[in-house]
Amino acid sequence: MSHGRLLITDTTLRDAHQSLIATRLKTEDMLPLAQTLDRAGFFSVEAWGGATFDSSIRFLAEDPWDRVRLLKEALTHTSIQMLLRGQNLVGYRHYPDDVVDKFVECAFNVGVDIFRVFDALNDIRNMKESMRMVKEVGAHLQGAICYTTSPVNSIPGFIDMVRELYAYECDSICIKDMAGLIMPDAARELITGIKDEMDVLVDLHSHATSGIAPMSYQAAAEAGVDILDTAMSPFALGTSQPPTESVVAAFRGTSRDTGIDLLDLRKARDVCLKLRDKYGGILNPISERVDSDVLVYQLPGGMISNLVSQLQEQDALDKMNAVYDEIPRVRADLGYPPLVTPTSQIVGTQAVLNVLLGGERYRNVTNEVKDYVRGLYGRPPAPINPEIVHRIIGDEEVITVRPADLLEPIYEKMKEQAMAEGLIKKEEDVITYILYPAIAPSFLKGERKPEELPQRTKPAAKPAEIPHSMEVEVDGEIFNVRIISVGGSAVAAAAAPVQKIPRGDIQGGVKSNMQGMVLEIAVGRGAEVKKGDLLVVLEAMKMENPIHSPFDGKVADIFVNTGDVVQSGDVLLVVE
């Protein structure tokens, strides 16, 4: 049975580089690629949303809103698509409806044509406001289901969800398979079930992590899927999508011919090859390989590359397998949430804490885990383990209403506050300020600098075996010394400044339990504290990690400031 032309959404400008190089492509490098992609004849180009917003201001010192404006000028024939996390927008928590409305309006005005809206828990209550606003501004609404497998998920259940989304007048439906879990037969059954019942465009988005996605794409095309998500070959496979060129070639001359010219794709591929070489220092073999273990731990592509970099920051990459083993256990404890931002970060970070800190599981939990258990992210697919609930929030009552119903409007208040601080040059800056209050002020002031692009590692010569740094003690003070050269052979580029934050055992010292940025200091010098009182909040792995007082006492000294980056074992303050 013929189903007509197969449409393609290319993800190179968003999900592909998010999955493989931790969302580090700069706008200046995107624009030449966008121009070549524009000539190919895609249904859309996914170029915004997801982690691009965060990475732009955090690592690249780029304005994400300006990126869309510039891409819109380059993509004159192709729709720009973004990934929108429902009530979370492009952040990691729920925002009030007035912020959701303003975000969608601003995103549409700067150039977003298609909004793919999803909720990490498949809780449609958390999608309603953003979907309503997308329709109001006149954009294309693509409602998404997060495909996952667990004892509480089924094909009929996903079809029920699509039926509910269809009632919200979605222009298309996306089966969002974040980790490459959907099997060919499941893809065929799910797409057939949707198409038999509803007259709507269906898009299948998957990742090649498990090696199954190309087979599932073939089955999906045979079942009548309308759109497939792919990535240009230099940024395809591994934790990314199947290659655009391969998919186009596979259906050439068939009833599902995409109509895309492979010669046009060659031009885009050549640009991508240069970019892959430029950003090769970020690529990690773990993100590029086929990994069937994903069928067990179910982490999405972008989370895997981020998890690798996060464990490297903690000097704990050797714990990767232990973290992978812990993730399914945490997921089951928390009611089998689909693992997609922010739940992938919530589950993944908690698994890291359970492994790295040792001892009793959930001895240390992030603020986001607490909020999740409280019901502030929505309704999990299954009840949370009651023992875990009690361990994390005690006898506190769990909310059952739509979480955003508990949030007061904040847009105008935050706008006034940001303007008073001299941070606002355009309306979109207010949104940036609201979404990322910890890093937005420094970004909006122009104080953030782009991170240095890592270079490809070359085979180590003998002198490279010499340590780059060491700790030395001078007159009782510990200094971190970076070694520049030995015998005239360079070891490192420059000497590190004297470390101001002490390390080692200090009486009453409260140490950081991991690498992270100081987000909040909750006490001052001289403050009386009780055991369990909040002292410091670290931002680690995009989650808030609270540090509590281990005993009663008085804060005698504080060694850190807000915005400082600390390492595991650094002494943050002293309680006597």
Protein backbone atom coordinates (compact mmCIF):
# COMPACT_ATOMS: atom_id res chain seq x y z
CA MET A 1 0.00 0.00 0.00
CA SER A 2 1.40 3.37 -1.04
CA HIS A 3 1.50 6.11 1.58
CA GLY A 4 2.96 8.90 -0.55
CA ARG A 5 6.10 10.95 -0.19
CA LEU A 6 8.11 10.42 3.00
CA LEU A 7 9.02 13.70 4.72
CA ILE A 8 12.26 14.32 6.60
CA THR A 9 13.08 16.50 9.60
CA ASP A 10 16.83 17.03 9.87
CA THR A 11 18.10 17.35 13.44
CA THR A 12 21.74 18.27 12.85
CA LEU A 13 21.31 21.80 14.18
CA ARG A 14 19.77 20.59 17.46
CA ASP A 15 19.42 17.04 18.65
CA ALA A 16 22.29 15.56 16.67
CA HIS A 17 24.95 17.84 18.10
CA GLN A 18 23.24 17.78 21.49
CA SER A 19 23.62 14.00 21.46
CA LEU A 20 27.20 13.81 20.21
CA ILE A 21 28.98 16.99 21.28
CA ALA A 22 26.93 18.19 24.26
CA THR A 23 25.20 21.00 22.28
CA ARG A 24 28.36 22.96 21.60
CA LEU A 25 27.88 24.07 17.98
CA LYS A 26 28.28 27.84 17.74
CA THR A 27 25.85 29.96 15.77
CA GLU A 28 28.61 31.14 13.44
CA ASP A 29 29.15 27.51 12.44
CA MET A 30 25.45 26.76 12.11
CA LEU A 31 24.68 29.45 9.56
CA PRO A 32 26.68 28.07 6.58
CA LEU A 33 25.24 24.63 7.30
CA ALA A 34 21.71 26.02 7.55
CA GLN A 35 22.08 27.57 4.09
CA THR A 36 23.00 24.22 2.57
CA LEU A 37 20.22 22.38 4.43
CA ASP A 38 17.71 24.96 3.23
CA ARG A 39 18.16 23.85 -0.37
CA ALA A 40 17.52 20.16 0.31
CA GLY A 41 13.72 20.14 0.64
CA PHE A 42 13.19 19.02 4.25
CA PHE A 43 9.83 19.16 6.00
CA SER A 44 11.63 21.05 8.76
CA VAL A 45 15.00 21.62 10.37
CA GLU A 46 15.12 21.17 14.13
CA ALA A 47 17.35 24.00 15.25
CA TRP A 48 16.26 25.18 18.70
CA GLY A 49 14.94 24.12 22.05
CA GLY A 50 16.13 21.25 24.17
CA ALA A 51 19.53 22.05 25.65
CA THR A 52 20.48 24.67 23.04
CA PHE A 53 19.15 27.52 25.16
CA ASP A 54 21.08 26.51 28.28
CA SER A 55 24.31 25.76 26.41
CA SER A 56 24.18 29.02 24.49
CA ILE A 57 24.29 31.20 27.57
CA ARG A 58 26.20 28.85 29.87
CA PHE A 59 29.06 27.71 27.63
CA LEU A 60 29.03 29.71 24.40
CA ALA A 61 28.17 33.22 25.66
CA GLU A 62 25.65 33.48 22.82
CA ASP A 63 22.12 34.85 22.82
CA PRO A 64 19.78 31.96 21.92
CA TRP A 65 17.11 34.36 20.66
CA ASP A 66 19.54 35.98 18.25
CA ARG A 67 20.47 32.50 17.03
CA VAL A 68 16.90 31.88 15.86
CA ARG A 69 16.74 35.26 14.16
CA LEU A 70 19.92 34.54 12.23
CA LEU A 71 18.85 31.00 11.34
CA LYS A 72 15.54 32.36 10.08
CA GLU A 73 17.46 34.52 7.61
CA ALA A 74 19.43 31.47 6.44
CA LEU A 75 16.45 29.10 6.25
CA THR A 76 14.25 30.93 3.79
CA HIS A 77 12.50 27.84 2.40
CA THR A 78 12.46 25.50 5.40
CA SER A 79 10.48 25.61 8.64
CA ILE A 80 12.42 25.99 11.88
CA GLN A 81 11.34 23.50 14.51
CA MET A 82 11.99 23.57 18.24
CA LEU A 83 11.66 21.09 21.09
CA LEU A 84 9.53 22.52 23.91
CA ARG A 85 9.35 20.76 27.29
CA GLY A 86 5.73 21.67 27.99
CA GLN A 87 5.44 23.59 31.25
CA ASN A 88 9.24 23.33 31.67
CA LEU A 89 9.84 25.24 28.40
CA VAL A 90 13.64 24.96 27.95
CA GLY A 91 14.40 24.83 31.68
CA TYR A 92 14.32 22.14 34.32
CA ARG A 93 11.26 23.04 36.40
CA HIS A 94 7.70 24.18 35.88
CA TYR A 95 7.02 27.83 35.15
CA PRO A 96 3.76 29.74 35.62
CA ASP A 97 1.35 30.02 32.70
CA ASP A 98 2.18 33.67 32.08
CA VAL A 99 5.83 32.75 31.48
CA VAL A 100 4.81 29.86 29.20
CA ASP A 101 2.58 32.16 27.16
CA LYS A 102 5.24 34.85 26.79
CA PHE A 103 7.92 32.31 25.85
CA VAL A 104 5.83 30.77 23.06
CA GLU A 105 4.89 34.22 21.76
CA CYS A 106 8.52 35.40 21.73
CA ALA A 107 9.80 32.15 20.16
CA PHE A 108 7.23 32.42 17.36
CA ASN A 109 8.04 36.07 16.77
CA VAL A 110 11.79 35.43 16.38
CA GLY A 111 11.26 32.63 13.88
CA VAL A 112 10.09 29.28 15.29
CA ASP A 113 7.51 27.72 12.94
CA ILE A 114 6.91 24.28 14.46
CA PHE A 115 6.70 23.53 18.18
CA ARG A 116 7.22 19.92 19.26
CA VAL A 117 5.63 19.88 22.71
CA PHE A 118 6.13 17.05 25.18
CA ASP A 119 6.07 16.32 28.89
CA ALA A 120 8.69 14.16 30.54
CA LEU A 121 6.03 12.21 32.45
CA ASN A 122 3.57 12.05 29.54
CA ASP A 123 1.28 14.09 31.79
CA ILE A 124 -0.81 16.02 29.27
CA ARG A 125 -1.88 18.46 31.98
CA ASN A 126 1.66 19.84 31.73
CA MET A 127 1.33 20.35 27.97
CA LYS A 128 -2.07 22.02 27.80
CA GLU A 129 -1.01 25.64 28.23
CA SER A 130 1.91 25.57 25.82
CA MET A 131 -0.20 23.72 23.23
CA ARG A 132 -3.01 26.26 23.61
CA MET A 133 -0.58 29.12 23.11
CA VAL A 134 1.06 27.53 20.05
CA LYS A 135 -2.34 27.34 18.38
CA GLU A 136 -3.14 30.90 19.45
CA VAL A 137 -0.03 32.40 17.80
CA GLY A 138 -0.76 30.40 14.64
CA ALA A 139 2.24 28.06 14.61
CA HIS A 140 2.33 24.36 13.75
CA LEU A 141 1.60 22.29 16.87
CA GLN A 142 3.26 18.89 17.08
CA GLY A 143 2.18 17.01 20.18
CA ALA A 144 4.66 14.38 21.30
CA ILE A 145 4.48 11.18 23.31
CA CYS A 146 7.63 10.04 25.08
CA TYR A 147 8.06 6.42 24.04
CA THR A 148 9.50 4.16 26.67
CA THR A 149 9.25 0.61 27.92
CA SER A 150 8.40 -0.51 31.43
CA PRO A 151 5.91 -2.74 33.24
CA VAL A 152 3.37 0.12 33.10
CA ASN A 153 3.70 1.16 29.42
CA SER A 154 1.91 -0.39 26.42
CA ILE A 155 1.01 0.35 22.79
CA PRO A 156 -2.72 0.75 23.64
CA GLY A 157 -1.74 3.20 26.39
CA PHE A 158 0.30 5.30 23.96
CA ILE A 159 -2.57 5.30 21.45
CA ASP A 160 -4.87 6.54 24.22
CA MET A 161 -2.44 9.42 24.81
CA VAL A 162 -2.31 10.26 21.11
CA ARG A 163 -6.10 10.27 21.05
CA GLU A 164 -6.09 12.84 23.84
CA LEU A 165 -3.46 14.97 22.07
CA TYR A 166 -5.44 14.80 18.85
CA ALA A 167 -8.36 16.41 20.68
CA TYR A 168 -6.14 19.48 21.22
CA GLU A 169 -6.02 20.01 17.43
CA CYS A 170 -2.41 18.99 16.98
CA ASP A 171 -1.22 19.48 13.41
CA SER A 172 1.05 16.47 13.77
CA ILE A 173 1.98 13.82 16.31
CA CYS A 174 5.52 12.81 17.22
CA ILE A 175 6.53 9.44 18.64
CA LYS A 176 9.55 10.66 20.58
CA ASP A 177 11.83 7.69 21.18
CA MET A 178 14.59 9.38 23.15
CA ALA A 179 16.82 6.36 23.72
CA GLY A 180 16.30 4.22 20.61
CA LEU A 181 14.02 1.70 22.32
CA ILE A 182 11.21 1.21 19.82
CA MET A 183 11.34 -2.14 18.03
CA PRO A 184 10.23 -2.55 14.40
CA ASP A 185 7.06 -4.44 15.34
CA ALA A 186 6.19 -1.90 18.04
CA ALA A 187 6.72 0.98 15.58
CA ARG A 188 4.51 -0.77 13.03
CA GLU A 189 1.76 -1.49 15.58
CA LEU A 190 1.80 1.99 17.11
CA ILE A 191 1.79 3.90 13.81
CA THR A 192 -0.87 1.65 12.28
CA GLY A 193 -3.04 2.10 15.36
CA ILE A 194 -2.76 5.90 15.16
CA LYS A 195 -3.29 6.13 11.40
CA ASP A 196 -6.31 3.76 11.45
CA GLU A 197 -8.09 5.96 13.95
CA MET A 198 -6.87 9.55 13.33
CA ASP A 199 -6.22 11.66 10.25
CA VAL A 200 -3.01 13.29 11.39
CA LEU A 201 0.64 13.50 10.31
CA VAL A 202 2.82 11.12 12.35
CA ASP A 203 6.54 11.71 12.95
CA LEU A 204 8.91 9.08 14.33
CA HIS A 205 11.93 10.39 16.21
CA SER A 206 14.47 7.84 17.38
CA HIS A 207 18.15 7.48 18.24
CA ALA A 208 20.65 4.98 16.86
CA THR A 209 22.12 4.20 20.28
CA SER A 210 20.91 0.60 20.37
CA GLY A 211 21.48 0.02 16.63
CA ILE A 212 17.77 -0.69 16.08
CA ALA A 213 16.53 2.68 14.77
CA PRO A 214 17.19 2.08 11.02
CA MET A 215 15.14 -1.14 11.15
CA SER A 216 12.35 0.60 13.03
CA TYR A 217 12.40 3.46 10.51
CA GLN A 218 11.87 0.95 7.69
CA ALA A 219 8.94 -0.62 9.55
CA ALA A 220 7.51 2.83 10.29
CA ALA A 221 7.66 3.83 6.63
CA GLU A 222 5.87 0.63 5.64
CA ALA A 223 3.19 1.35 8.25
CA GLY A 224 2.55 4.84 6.86
CA VAL A 225 4.61 7.18 9.02
CA ASP A 226 4.66 10.63 7.42
CA ILE A 227 7.91 12.09 8.82
CA LEU A 228 11.23 10.60 9.97
CA ASP A 229 13.86 12.46 11.99
CA THR A 230 17.42 12.08 10.69
CA ALA A 231 20.82 13.77 10.98
CA MET A 232 23.53 14.50 8.44
CA SER A 233 25.93 11.54 8.41
CA PRO A 234 28.95 13.23 10.10
CA PHE A 235 26.65 13.90 13.08
CA ALA A 236 24.57 10.73 12.84
CA LEU A 237 24.49 7.30 14.51
CA GLY A 238 25.74 6.53 17.99
CA THR A 239 23.51 8.45 20.36
CA SER A 240 22.25 10.60 17.46
CA GLN A 241 19.71 9.85 14.72
CA PRO A 242 20.07 7.61 11.64
CA PRO A 243 21.85 9.34 8.72
CA THR A 244 19.79 11.61 6.49
CA GLU A 245 21.66 10.52 3.35
CA SER A 246 21.14 6.80 4.07
CA VAL A 247 17.42 7.18 4.72
CA VAL A 248 16.95 9.29 1.60
CA ALA A 249 18.86 6.73 -0.48
CA ALA A 250 16.95 3.77 0.98
CA PHE A 251 13.59 5.10 -0.24
CA ARG A 252 14.80 6.55 -3.54
CA GLY A 253 12.73 5.22 -6.42
CA THR A 254 10.08 3.71 -4.14
CA SER A 255 6.57 4.86 -3.36
CA ARG A 256 8.02 6.63 -0.29
CA ASP A 257 10.71 8.56 -2.22
CA THR A 258 11.59 11.67 -0.21
CA GLY A 259 12.19 13.81 -3.28
CA ILE A 260 15.50 14.97 -1.77
CA ASP A 261 18.53 15.09 -4.07
CA LEU A 262 21.57 13.26 -2.71
CA LEU A 263 23.85 15.73 -4.50
CA ASP A 264 22.31 18.57 -2.50
CA LEU A 265 22.96 16.59 0.65
CA ARG A 266 26.62 16.19 -0.33
CA LYS A 267 27.10 19.94 0.03
CA ALA A 268 25.63 19.86 3.52
CA ARG A 269 27.69 16.80 4.37
CA ASP A 270 30.91 18.54 3.34
CA VAL A 271 30.12 21.43 5.70
CA CYS A 272 29.38 18.93 8.48
CA LEU A 273 32.69 17.13 7.92
CA LYS A 274 34.57 20.37 8.55
CA LEU A 275 32.51 21.02 11.68
CA ARG A 276 33.09 17.50 12.96
CA ASP A 277 36.81 18.04 12.59
CA LYS A 278 36.61 21.41 14.36
CA TYR A 279 34.62 20.00 17.28
CA GLY A 280 36.36 16.64 17.32
CA GLY A 281 37.87 17.34 20.73
CA ILE A 282 34.41 17.12 22.29
CA LEU A 283 33.43 13.82 20.66
CA ASN A 284 33.60 10.87 23.03
CA PRO A 285 33.80 7.27 21.78
CA ILE A 286 31.10 6.33 24.29
CA SER A 287 28.61 8.58 22.47
CA GLU A 288 29.57 7.25 19.02
CA ARG A 289 29.36 3.52 19.59
CA VAL A 290 26.39 1.16 19.37
CA ASP A 291 25.40 0.31 22.93
CA SER A 292 22.73 -2.34 23.39
CA ASP A 293 22.83 -1.74 27.16
CA VAL A 294 20.61 1.29 26.50
CA LEU A 295 17.77 -1.21 26.26
CA VAL A 296 18.32 -1.70 29.99
CA TYR A 297 19.21 1.75 31.32
CA GLN A 298 17.23 3.74 28.71
CA LEU A 299 19.20 7.00 28.83
CA PRO A 300 18.53 9.37 25.91
CA GLY A 301 21.41 10.28 23.60
CA GLY A 302 21.97 13.79 24.89
CA MET A 303 22.03 12.57 28.49
CA ILE A 304 24.70 9.96 27.76
CA SER A 305 27.17 12.50 26.40
CA ASN A 306 26.38 14.85 29.28
CA LEU A 307 26.74 12.04 31.82
CA VAL A 308 30.17 11.22 30.43
CA SER A 309 31.32 14.83 30.76
CA GLN A 310 29.78 15.12 34.23
CA LEU A 311 31.52 12.00 35.53
CA GLN A 312 34.77 13.26 34.02
CA GLU A 313 34.30 16.51 35.97
CA GLN A 314 33.87 14.43 39.12
CA ASP A 315 36.97 12.40 38.22
CA ALA A 316 34.71 9.36 38.37
CA LEU A 317 34.45 8.04 34.83
CA ASP A 318 35.43 4.63 36.19
CA LYS A 319 32.05 4.57 37.96
CA MET A 320 30.10 4.76 34.69
CA ASN A 321 28.99 1.11 34.72
CA ALA A 322 27.92 1.34 38.35
CA VAL A 323 25.84 4.42 37.50
CA TYR A 324 24.28 2.57 34.55
CA ASP A 325 23.33 -0.29 36.90
CA GLU A 326 21.81 2.13 39.40
CA ILE A 327 19.70 4.08 36.90
CA PRO A 328 17.03 1.35 36.35
CA ARG A 329 16.72 0.91 40.12
CA VAL A 330 16.16 4.64 40.67
CA ARG A 331 13.71 4.76 37.76
CA ALA A 332 11.65 1.91 39.24
CA ASP A 333 11.71 3.61 42.66
CA LEU A 334 10.36 6.82 41.11
CA GLY A 335 7.46 5.25 39.23
CA TYR A 336 9.06 4.44 35.85
CA PRO A 337 9.24 7.94 34.38
CA PRO A 338 10.30 8.14 30.71
CA LEU A 339 13.95 9.23 30.69
CA VAL A 340 13.96 12.55 28.90
CA THR A 341 14.84 16.05 30.11
CA PRO A 342 14.31 16.83 32.94
CA THR A 343 13.49 13.36 34.30
CA SER A 344 16.62 11.87 32.72
CA GLN A 345 18.68 14.41 34.67
CA ILE A 346 16.65 13.80 37.82
CA VAL A 347 17.06 10.02 37.66
CA GLY A 348 20.59 10.11 36.25
CA THR A 349 21.90 12.61 38.81
CA GLN A 350 20.33 10.70 41.69
CA ALA A 351 21.95 7.51 40.42
CA VAL A 352 25.30 9.34 40.34
CA LEU A 353 24.81 10.53 43.92
CA ASN A 354 23.81 7.05 45.10
CA VAL A 355 26.98 5.60 43.55
CA LEU A 356 29.56 8.32 44.23
CA LEU A 357 28.62 9.10 47.81
CA GLY A 358 28.39 5.46 48.80
CA GLY A 359 26.61 4.07 51.82
CA GLU A 360 22.82 4.33 52.06
CA ARG A 361 20.98 5.06 48.80
CA TYR A 362 19.18 8.43 48.78
CA ARG A 363 21.34 9.61 51.65
CA ASN A 364 21.83 12.75 49.59
CA VAL A 365 19.11 13.89 47.19
CA THR A 366 18.83 16.90 44.92
CA ASN A 367 16.13 19.52 45.34
CA GLU A 368 14.68 18.35 42.04
CA VAL A 369 14.23 14.79 43.35
CA LYS A 370 12.43 16.17 46.40
CA ASP A 371 10.13 18.25 44.17
CA TYR A 372 9.52 15.26 41.91
CA VAL A 373 8.47 13.11 44.87
CA ARG A 374 6.24 15.96 46.13
CA GLY A 375 4.36 15.80 42.80
CA LEU A 376 5.64 19.15 41.55
CA TYR A 377 6.65 17.71 38.16
CA GLY A 378 3.33 15.99 37.58
CA ARG A 379 1.87 12.50 37.76
CA PRO A 380 4.37 9.61 37.33
CA PRO A 381 3.29 6.66 35.16
CA ALA A 382 3.23 4.47 38.29
CA PRO A 383 3.13 5.18 42.04
CA ILE A 384 6.48 6.06 43.61
CA ASN A 385 7.88 3.49 46.05
CA PRO A 386 6.26 4.50 49.40
CA GLU A 387 9.50 3.81 51.31
CA ILE A 388 11.35 6.20 49.01
CA VAL A 389 8.64 8.83 49.42
CA HIS A 390 8.91 8.67 53.20
CA ARG A 391 12.72 8.68 53.14
CA ILE A 392 12.82 11.80 50.97
CA ILE A 393 9.89 13.95 52.16
CA GLY A 394 8.70 12.22 55.34
CA ASP A 395 4.98 12.67 56.00
CA GLU A 396 4.65 15.68 53.68
CA GLU A 397 1.50 15.51 51.55
CA VAL A 398 1.97 14.84 47.84
CA ILE A 399 0.09 17.19 45.50
CA THR A 400 -2.33 15.77 42.93
CA VAL A 401 -3.35 18.91 40.99
CA ARG A 402 -1.67 20.23 37.84
CA PRO A 403 1.60 21.59 39.32
CA ALA A 404 1.35 24.91 37.46
CA ASP A 405 -1.99 25.60 39.19
CA LEU A 406 0.02 26.23 42.35
CA LEU A 407 2.26 28.83 40.70
CA GLU A 408 1.54 32.53 40.84
CA PRO A 409 2.21 34.72 37.78
CA ILE A 410 5.77 36.07 37.91
CA TYR A 411 6.53 37.55 34.51
CA GLU A 412 5.81 41.20 35.26
CA LYS A 413 7.41 41.02 38.70
CA MET A 414 10.60 39.43 37.33
CA LYS A 415 10.65 41.89 34.42
CA GLU A 416 10.57 44.80 36.83
CA GLN A 417 13.33 43.22 38.92
CA ALA A 418 15.54 42.57 35.90
CA MET A 419 15.03 46.08 34.56
CA ALA A 420 15.98 47.54 37.94
CA GLU A 421 19.25 45.59 37.68
CA GLY A 422 19.85 47.03 34.20
CA LEU A 423 19.73 43.61 32.52
CA ILE A 424 17.04 44.09 29.89
CA LYS A 425 17.75 45.27 26.35
CA LYS A 426 14.89 43.41 24.63
CA GLU A 427 11.74 41.56 25.70
CA GLU A 428 13.30 38.12 25.29
CA ASP A 429 15.93 38.99 27.91
CA VAL A 430 13.19 38.83 30.54
CA ILE A 431 12.51 35.20 29.61
CA THR A 432 16.22 34.40 29.78
CA TYR A 433 16.37 35.98 33.24
CA ILE A 434 13.39 33.98 34.49
CA LEU A 435 14.52 30.63 33.09
CA TYR A 436 18.12 30.77 34.31
CA PRO A 437 18.34 33.11 37.31
CA ALA A 438 21.73 31.73 38.39
CA ILE A 439 23.63 32.41 35.18
CA ALA A 440 21.45 34.87 33.26
CA PRO A 441 22.61 38.02 35.13
CA SER A 442 26.27 37.47 34.25
CA PHE A 443 25.30 36.60 30.68
CA LEU A 444 23.05 39.61 30.23
CA LYS A 445 25.77 41.86 31.63
CA GLY A 446 28.19 40.48 29.04
CA GLU A 447 30.45 39.00 31.71
CA ARG A 448 30.36 35.37 30.58
CA LYS A 449 33.12 34.21 28.27
CA PRO A 450 32.81 31.35 25.78
CA GLU A 451 34.51 28.19 26.94
CA GLU A 452 37.63 27.17 25.09
CA LEU A 453 36.97 24.54 22.45
CA PRO A 454 38.84 21.34 23.38
CA GLN A 455 41.29 20.07 20.79
CA ARG A 456 41.57 16.49 19.62
CA THR A 457 43.88 14.56 21.90
CA LYS A 458 47.03 13.35 20.23
CA PRO A 459 48.99 10.23 21.16
CA ALA A 460 50.79 10.92 24.39
CA ALA A 461 54.54 11.32 24.33
CA LYS A 462 56.67 10.19 27.22
CA PRO A 463 56.75 13.53 29.04
CA ALA A 464 52.93 13.60 29.07
CA GLU A 465 53.02 10.85 31.66
CA ILE A 466 54.25 13.45 34.12
CA PRO A 467 51.31 14.80 36.16
CA HIS A 468 49.93 18.17 35.06
CA SER A 469 49.24 19.27 38.60
CA MET A 470 49.77 18.31 42.22
CA GLU A 471 48.93 19.54 45.67
CA VAL A 472 51.77 20.79 47.86
CA GLU A 473 51.76 21.97 51.45
CA VAL A 474 53.72 25.08 52.39
CA ASP A 475 53.72 26.23 56.01
CA GLY A 476 50.51 24.36 56.66
CA GLU A 477 48.69 25.80 53.64
CA ILE A 478 47.71 23.60 50.70
CA PHE A 479 48.31 24.91 47.19
CA ASN A 480 47.34 23.43 43.84
CA VAL A 481 50.40 23.67 41.57
CA ARG A 482 50.22 23.15 37.81
CA ILE A 483 53.44 21.78 36.29
CA ILE A 484 54.52 23.72 33.22
CA SER A 485 57.57 21.79 32.10
CA VAL A 486 60.13 19.21 33.19
CA GLY A 487 63.57 19.24 31.65
CA GLY A 488 62.40 21.67 28.99
CA SER A 489 59.49 19.50 27.88
CA ALA A 490 56.14 21.21 28.14
CA VAL A 491 53.54 19.53 30.34
CA ALA A 492 50.85 22.17 30.73
CA ALA A 493 50.20 25.60 29.32
CA ALA A 494 50.19 27.79 32.38
CA ALA A 495 50.46 27.86 36.11
CA ALA A 496 47.30 27.85 38.10
CA PRO A 497 46.64 30.65 40.54
CA VAL A 498 46.85 29.93 44.20
CA GLN A 499 43.77 28.07 45.28
CA LYS A 500 41.73 30.11 47.72
CA ILE A 501 39.33 27.34 48.72
CA PRO A 502 41.01 25.03 51.25
CA ARG A 503 41.07 21.27 50.97
CA GLY A 504 41.83 18.54 53.39
CA ASP A 505 40.62 17.99 56.94
CA ILE A 506 39.70 21.16 58.83
CA GLN A 507 37.96 20.94 62.19
CA GLY A 508 34.28 21.68 61.58
CA GLY A 509 34.86 21.88 57.84
CA VAL A 510 31.88 21.11 55.60
CA LYS A 511 33.11 19.76 52.28
CA SER A 512 31.65 19.69 48.81
CA ASN A 513 30.59 16.18 47.87
CA MET A 514 31.11 16.76 44.14
CA GLN A 515 32.28 19.20 41.52
CA GLY A 516 29.79 21.99 40.92
CA MET A 517 29.01 25.70 40.96
CA VAL A 518 27.94 27.49 44.13
CA LEU A 519 24.37 28.51 43.41
CA GLU A 520 23.35 29.79 46.83
CA ILE A 521 24.91 30.40 50.25
CA ALA A 522 22.05 30.10 52.72
CA VAL A 523 23.89 31.26 55.86
CA GLY A 524 26.23 34.01 56.91
CA ARG A 525 29.25 34.10 59.19
CA GLY A 526 28.18 33.89 62.80
CA ALA A 527 24.85 32.23 62.02
CA GLU A 528 23.59 29.61 64.45
CA VAL A 529 22.67 26.40 62.65
CA LYS A 530 21.09 23.10 63.60
CA LYS A 531 21.94 19.70 62.23
CA GLY A 532 20.23 19.36 58.85
CA ASP A 533 19.95 23.10 58.18
CA LEU A 534 20.68 24.17 54.62
CA LEU A 535 24.14 25.71 54.24
CA VAL A 536 24.98 25.82 50.53
CA VAL A 537 23.29 24.84 47.27
CA LEU A 538 25.54 23.56 44.49
CA GLU A 539 24.50 23.31 40.88
CA ALA A 540 25.87 19.97 39.77
CA MET A 541 24.88 18.15 36.61
CA LYS A 542 22.17 20.81 36.03
CA MET A 543 20.51 19.83 39.29
CA GLU A 544 20.47 21.62 42.64
CA ASN A 545 22.49 19.69 45.22
CA PRO A 546 21.87 20.98 48.77
CA ILE A 547 24.62 20.77 51.41
CA HIS A 548 23.27 20.54 54.96
CA SER A 549 24.94 21.08 58.29
CA PRO A 550 26.22 17.79 59.74
CA PHE A 551 25.78 19.05 63.31
CA ASP A 552 24.63 21.96 65.52
CA GLY A 553 26.95 24.92 65.75
CA LYS A 554 27.90 28.39 64.56
CA VAL A 555 29.20 29.27 61.09
CA ALA A 556 32.74 30.38 61.83
CA ASP A 557 34.01 30.92 58.28
CA ILE A 558 32.86 30.76 54.66
CA PHE A 559 35.41 30.09 51.94
CA VAL A 560 33.23 30.34 48.81
CA ASN A 561 31.14 32.89 46.99
CA THR A 562 28.12 32.49 44.75
CA GLY A 563 29.30 31.50 41.28
CA ASP A 564 32.50 29.78 42.46
CA VAL A 565 33.27 26.40 40.92
CA VAL A 566 34.29 23.91 43.59
CA GLN A 567 35.74 20.43 43.44
CA SER A 568 34.85 17.35 45.43
CA GLY A 569 36.58 17.65 48.81
CA ASP A 570 36.79 21.46 48.82
CA VAL A 571 35.96 22.94 52.22
CA LEU A 572 32.99 25.25 51.72
CA LEU A 573 32.67 26.60 55.25
CA VAL A 574 33.36 25.85 58.88
CA VAL A 575 30.74 25.09 61.54
CA GLU A 576 32.02 25.08 65.13
